[in-house]
Amino acid sequence: MKKKRGEVERDQTECGPGQSVSRRKFLKATMTGVAIAGAAGLSGCMTGQPVARGAGTTPKSVAHYQDRPNKGRRCGGCTHFLEPNACEVVAGEISPNGWCRFHEPRPA
């Protein structure tokens, strides 16, 4: 088959020494490799272990925890609060009426 001027052969199925790869195939192979590598890297983040209740590791002193609300904000209305008296962030037992600097109101 004779090529016309400027025409590029696009149906290359194999690529060995001395053969060229189309840009499309190169990008497809590269992006597939990146996706696989990214998925493999993320698998280490997913341990499958549930977070224990009250597993917060931040000491109360660092969180500026107090047993009373601050300007109407209290632990019972925070996204980090775990019933009945634990927190995802702060270590140890906490009061639902307490407050700390990590307070995030629950979405309405």
C-alpha atoms as a PDB file:
ATOM      1  CA  MET A   1       0.000   0.000   0.000  1.00  0.00           C
ATOM      2  CA  LYS A   2       1.456   3.302  -1.066  1.00  0.00           C
ATOM      3  CA  LYS A   3       1.261   6.236   1.344  1.00  0.00           C
ATOM      4  CA  LYS A   4       0.313   9.682   0.243  1.00  0.00           C
ATOM      5  CA  ARG A   5       2.429  12.608   1.243  1.00  0.00           C
ATOM      6  CA  GLY A   6       1.898  13.501   4.942  1.00  0.00           C
ATOM      7  CA  GLU A   7      -0.104  10.335   5.628  1.00  0.00           C
ATOM      8  CA  VAL A   8       0.866   8.371   8.715  1.00  0.00           C
ATOM      9  CA  GLU A   9       0.317   4.668   9.208  1.00  0.00           C
ATOM     10  CA  ARG A  10      -2.000   4.393  12.214  1.00  0.00           C
ATOM     11  CA  ASP A  11      -2.602   0.664  12.484  1.00  0.00           C
ATOM     12  CA  GLN A  12       0.576  -0.445  14.249  1.00  0.00           C
ATOM     13  CA  THR A  13      -0.213  -3.452  16.411  1.00  0.00           C
ATOM     14  CA  GLU A  14       3.230  -4.411  17.650  1.00  0.00           C
ATOM     15  CA  CYS A  15       6.214  -2.386  18.563  1.00  0.00           C
ATOM     16  CA  GLY A  16       9.623  -3.941  18.455  1.00  0.00           C
ATOM     17  CA  PRO A  17      13.143  -2.615  18.020  1.00  0.00           C
ATOM     18  CA  GLY A  18      13.300  -0.048  15.276  1.00  0.00           C
ATOM     19  CA  GLN A  19       9.521   0.458  15.091  1.00  0.00           C
ATOM     20  CA  SER A  20       7.782   3.640  16.105  1.00  0.00           C
ATOM     21  CA  VAL A  21       4.841   4.033  18.455  1.00  0.00           C
ATOM     22  CA  SER A  22       1.979   6.388  17.769  1.00  0.00           C
ATOM     23  CA  ARG A  23       1.539   9.208  20.235  1.00  0.00           C
ATOM     24  CA  ARG A  24      -1.970   7.979  21.029  1.00  0.00           C
ATOM     25  CA  LYS A  25      -0.734   4.491  21.985  1.00  0.00           C
ATOM     26  CA  PHE A  26       2.131   5.934  23.999  1.00  0.00           C
ATOM     27  CA  LEU A  27      -0.201   8.192  26.005  1.00  0.00           C
ATOM     28  CA  LYS A  28      -2.703   5.393  26.516  1.00  0.00           C
ATOM     29  CA  ALA A  29      -0.012   3.049  27.846  1.00  0.00           C
ATOM     30  CA  THR A  30       1.475   5.768  30.051  1.00  0.00           C
ATOM     31  CA  MET A  31      -1.869   6.759  31.573  1.00  0.00           C
ATOM     32  CA  THR A  32      -2.763   3.122  32.207  1.00  0.00           C
ATOM     33  CA  GLY A  33       0.532   2.663  34.036  1.00  0.00           C
ATOM     34  CA  VAL A  34      -0.049   5.803  36.099  1.00  0.00           C
ATOM     35  CA  ALA A  35      -3.550   4.635  37.054  1.00  0.00           C
ATOM     36  CA  ILE A  36      -2.303   1.211  38.118  1.00  0.00           C
ATOM     37  CA  ALA A  37       0.571   2.697  40.120  1.00  0.00           C
ATOM     38  CA  GLY A  38      -1.789   5.168  41.800  1.00  0.00           C
ATOM     39  CA  ALA A  39      -4.236   2.434  42.764  1.00  0.00           C
ATOM     40  CA  ALA A  40      -1.423   0.328  44.178  1.00  0.00           C
ATOM     41  CA  GLY A  41      -0.195   3.281  46.220  1.00  0.00           C
ATOM     42  CA  LEU A  42      -3.646   3.981  47.641  1.00  0.00           C
ATOM     43  CA  SER A  43      -4.203   0.383  48.667  1.00  0.00           C
ATOM     44  CA  GLY A  44      -1.723   0.907  51.499  1.00  0.00           C
ATOM     45  CA  CYS A  45      -3.951   3.655  52.915  1.00  0.00           C
ATOM     46  CA  MET A  46      -6.977   1.388  53.128  1.00  0.00           C
ATOM     47  CA  THR A  47      -6.396  -0.927  56.050  1.00  0.00           C
ATOM     48  CA  GLY A  48     -10.001  -2.032  56.325  1.00  0.00           C
ATOM     49  CA  GLN A  49      -9.834  -1.677  60.090  1.00  0.00           C
ATOM     50  CA  PRO A  50     -12.667   0.364  61.604  1.00  0.00           C
ATOM     51  CA  VAL A  51     -11.752   3.330  63.765  1.00  0.00           C
ATOM     52  CA  ALA A  52     -12.198   2.439  67.403  1.00  0.00           C
ATOM     53  CA  ARG A  53     -14.618   4.574  69.351  1.00  0.00           C
ATOM     54  CA  GLY A  54     -12.762   7.270  71.207  1.00  0.00           C
ATOM     55  CA  ALA A  55      -9.651   6.575  69.182  1.00  0.00           C
ATOM     56  CA  GLY A  56      -8.739  10.245  69.061  1.00  0.00           C
ATOM     57  CA  THR A  57      -5.077  10.781  69.792  1.00  0.00           C
ATOM     58  CA  THR A  58      -4.961  14.513  70.439  1.00  0.00           C
ATOM     59  CA  PRO A  59      -4.511  15.275  74.149  1.00  0.00           C
ATOM     60  CA  LYS A  60      -7.227  17.421  75.718  1.00  0.00           C
ATOM     61  CA  SER A  61      -4.678  20.112  76.597  1.00  0.00           C
ATOM     62  CA  VAL A  62      -3.594  20.469  72.947  1.00  0.00           C
ATOM     63  CA  ALA A  63      -7.233  20.567  71.783  1.00  0.00           C
ATOM     64  CA  HIS A  64      -8.031  23.224  74.433  1.00  0.00           C
ATOM     65  CA  TYR A  65     -10.890  20.959  75.555  1.00  0.00           C
ATOM     66  CA  GLN A  66     -13.288  22.331  78.159  1.00  0.00           C
ATOM     67  CA  ASP A  67     -16.329  20.708  79.820  1.00  0.00           C
ATOM     68  CA  ARG A  68     -18.667  23.575  78.912  1.00  0.00           C
ATOM     69  CA  PRO A  69     -19.945  24.982  75.596  1.00  0.00           C
ATOM     70  CA  ASN A  70     -18.234  27.914  73.883  1.00  0.00           C
ATOM     71  CA  LYS A  71     -20.609  30.522  72.424  1.00  0.00           C
ATOM     72  CA  GLY A  72     -23.315  27.887  71.993  1.00  0.00           C
ATOM     73  CA  ARG A  73     -21.001  25.418  70.254  1.00  0.00           C
ATOM     74  CA  ARG A  74     -20.754  22.054  71.980  1.00  0.00           C
ATOM     75  CA  CYS A  75     -19.368  18.580  71.283  1.00  0.00           C
ATOM     76  CA  GLY A  76     -22.852  17.075  70.878  1.00  0.00           C
ATOM     77  CA  GLY A  77     -23.322  19.191  67.732  1.00  0.00           C
ATOM     78  CA  CYS A  78     -19.898  18.436  66.235  1.00  0.00           C
ATOM     79  CA  THR A  79     -19.121  16.157  63.278  1.00  0.00           C
ATOM     80  CA  HIS A  80     -16.334  14.477  65.280  1.00  0.00           C
ATOM     81  CA  PHE A  81     -18.554  13.536  68.239  1.00  0.00           C
ATOM     82  CA  LEU A  82     -19.191   9.812  68.814  1.00  0.00           C
ATOM     83  CA  GLU A  83     -22.145   8.867  71.049  1.00  0.00           C
ATOM     84  CA  PRO A  84     -22.244   8.666  74.017  1.00  0.00           C
ATOM     85  CA  ASN A  85     -19.023  10.392  75.141  1.00  0.00           C
ATOM     86  CA  ALA A  86     -16.144   9.989  72.661  1.00  0.00           C
ATOM     87  CA  CYS A  87     -14.476  11.959  69.877  1.00  0.00           C
ATOM     88  CA  GLU A  88     -12.665  11.077  66.649  1.00  0.00           C
ATOM     89  CA  VAL A  89     -10.006  13.704  67.408  1.00  0.00           C
ATOM     90  CA  VAL A  90      -9.678  14.190  71.169  1.00  0.00           C
ATOM     91  CA  ALA A  91      -8.371  11.338  73.334  1.00  0.00           C
ATOM     92  CA  GLY A  92     -10.377  10.005  76.273  1.00  0.00           C
ATOM     93  CA  GLU A  93     -13.936  10.549  77.408  1.00  0.00           C
ATOM     94  CA  ILE A  94     -15.557  13.874  76.643  1.00  0.00           C
ATOM     95  CA  SER A  95     -18.814  15.543  77.602  1.00  0.00           C
ATOM     96  CA  PRO A  96     -21.500  16.147  74.956  1.00  0.00           C
ATOM     97  CA  ASN A  97     -21.688  19.652  76.455  1.00  0.00           C
ATOM     98  CA  GLY A  98     -17.936  20.215  76.116  1.00  0.00           C
ATOM     99  CA  TRP A  99     -16.033  22.088  73.405  1.00  0.00           C
ATOM    100  CA  CYS A 100     -12.574  22.074  71.795  1.00  0.00           C
ATOM    101  CA  ARG A 101     -10.736  24.020  69.092  1.00  0.00           C
ATOM    102  CA  PHE A 102     -11.412  21.255  66.526  1.00  0.00           C
ATOM    103  CA  HIS A 103     -15.181  21.817  66.720  1.00  0.00           C
ATOM    104  CA  GLU A 104     -16.911  21.507  63.331  1.00  0.00           C
ATOM    105  CA  PRO A 105     -20.688  21.978  63.285  1.00  0.00           C
ATOM    106  CA  ARG A 106     -22.684  19.125  61.766  1.00  0.00           C
ATOM    107  CA  PRO A 107     -24.157  19.968  58.371  1.00  0.00           C
ATOM    108  CA  ALA A 108     -27.811  20.952  58.487  1.00  0.00           C
END
